[in-house]
């Protein structure tokens, strides 16, 4: 199975599959994980043991998806403003 790694300036996006360790270790690189992959892991936890923490995580991820869906057609500056207003660190 092939994994895609996309380099944008100093941010590395990807599934962190074997073989990318050398890229990830480069100085100044930041790894940006995939929210969809994280959500799938929380879904698994919910199915296995009805985890309330995982349930809350899935609900919070759904909120982020909702914000992105609502911002999709806005100009770049308005999207940024919406994200900053509605998405805060926990």
Protein backbone atom coordinates (compact mmCIF):
# COMPACT_ATOMS: atom_id res chain seq x y z
CA UNK A 1 0.00 0.00 0.00
CA UNK A 2 1.44 3.33 -1.03
CA UNK A 3 1.42 6.27 1.39
CA UNK A 4 1.58 9.86 0.21
CA UNK A 5 3.80 12.40 1.92
CA UNK A 6 3.37 16.01 0.87
CA UNK A 7 6.03 18.60 1.67
CA UNK A 8 4.85 22.17 2.18
CA UNK A 9 7.77 24.37 3.23
CA UNK A 10 8.77 22.68 6.50
CA UNK A 11 5.56 20.79 7.25
CA UNK A 12 5.35 17.08 6.49
CA UNK A 13 1.89 15.59 6.06
CA UNK A 14 1.42 11.88 5.97
CA UNK A 15 0.62 8.57 7.59
CA UNK A 16 4.10 8.24 9.08
CA UNK A 17 4.68 4.96 7.29
CA UNK A 18 8.04 3.24 7.51
CA UNK A 19 10.61 4.74 5.21
CA UNK A 20 9.82 8.37 6.01
CA UNK A 21 11.83 8.58 9.24
CA UNK A 22 14.76 10.27 7.46
CA UNK A 23 12.48 13.00 6.11
CA UNK A 24 10.82 13.52 9.48
CA UNK A 25 14.18 13.89 11.24
CA UNK A 26 15.31 16.79 9.04
CA UNK A 27 15.93 19.94 11.05
CA UNK A 28 12.97 22.27 11.27
CA UNK A 29 10.38 19.74 10.07
CA UNK A 30 6.98 19.68 11.73
CA UNK A 31 4.80 16.60 11.44
CA UNK A 32 1.12 17.29 10.81
CA UNK A 33 -0.95 14.22 11.52
CA UNK A 34 -4.10 13.27 9.70
CA UNK A 35 -7.29 14.04 11.61
CA UNK A 36 -9.20 11.35 9.71
CA UNK A 37 -6.72 8.70 10.85
CA UNK A 38 -6.98 9.90 14.45
CA UNK A 39 -10.78 9.83 14.22
CA UNK A 40 -10.71 6.21 13.01
CA UNK A 41 -8.62 5.23 16.06
CA UNK A 42 -11.14 6.88 18.38
CA UNK A 43 -13.98 5.10 16.55
CA UNK A 44 -12.21 1.80 17.23
CA UNK A 45 -11.93 2.63 20.93
CA UNK A 46 -15.65 3.38 21.08
CA UNK A 47 -16.50 0.04 19.46
CA UNK A 48 -14.13 -1.95 21.67
CA UNK A 49 -14.87 -0.51 25.11
CA UNK A 50 -17.45 2.31 24.86
CA UNK A 51 -14.79 4.84 25.87
CA UNK A 52 -16.37 8.15 26.95
CA UNK A 53 -13.09 9.95 26.21
CA UNK A 54 -13.08 8.57 22.66
CA UNK A 55 -16.73 9.57 22.26
CA UNK A 56 -15.90 13.13 23.27
CA UNK A 57 -12.92 13.17 20.89
CA UNK A 58 -15.11 12.06 17.95
CA UNK A 59 -17.64 14.78 18.81
CA UNK A 60 -14.91 17.43 18.87
CA UNK A 61 -13.50 16.23 15.57
CA UNK A 62 -17.00 16.38 14.08
CA UNK A 63 -17.19 20.02 15.23
CA UNK A 64 -13.94 20.77 13.39
CA UNK A 65 -15.28 19.12 10.25
CA UNK A 66 -18.44 21.23 10.55
CA UNK A 67 -16.42 24.45 10.77
CA UNK A 68 -14.41 23.46 7.69
CA UNK A 69 -17.57 22.58 5.76
CA UNK A 70 -19.15 25.95 6.60
CA UNK A 71 -15.95 27.83 5.70
CA UNK A 72 -15.32 25.98 2.44
CA UNK A 73 -16.67 28.63 0.07
CA UNK A 74 -15.42 31.70 1.95
CA UNK A 75 -12.45 33.79 0.83
CA UNK A 76 -9.15 32.87 2.48
CA UNK A 77 -9.19 35.74 4.99
CA UNK A 78 -12.74 34.94 6.11
CA UNK A 79 -11.92 31.22 6.45
CA UNK A 80 -9.00 32.09 8.69
CA UNK A 81 -11.14 34.43 10.79
CA UNK A 82 -13.84 31.77 11.17
CA UNK A 83 -11.31 29.12 12.19
CA UNK A 84 -9.74 31.44 14.74
CA UNK A 85 -13.11 32.42 16.18
CA UNK A 86 -14.64 28.94 16.34
CA UNK A 87 -11.66 26.59 16.82
CA UNK A 88 -9.76 27.07 20.04
CA UNK A 89 -7.11 24.82 21.61
CA UNK A 90 -8.47 22.65 24.40
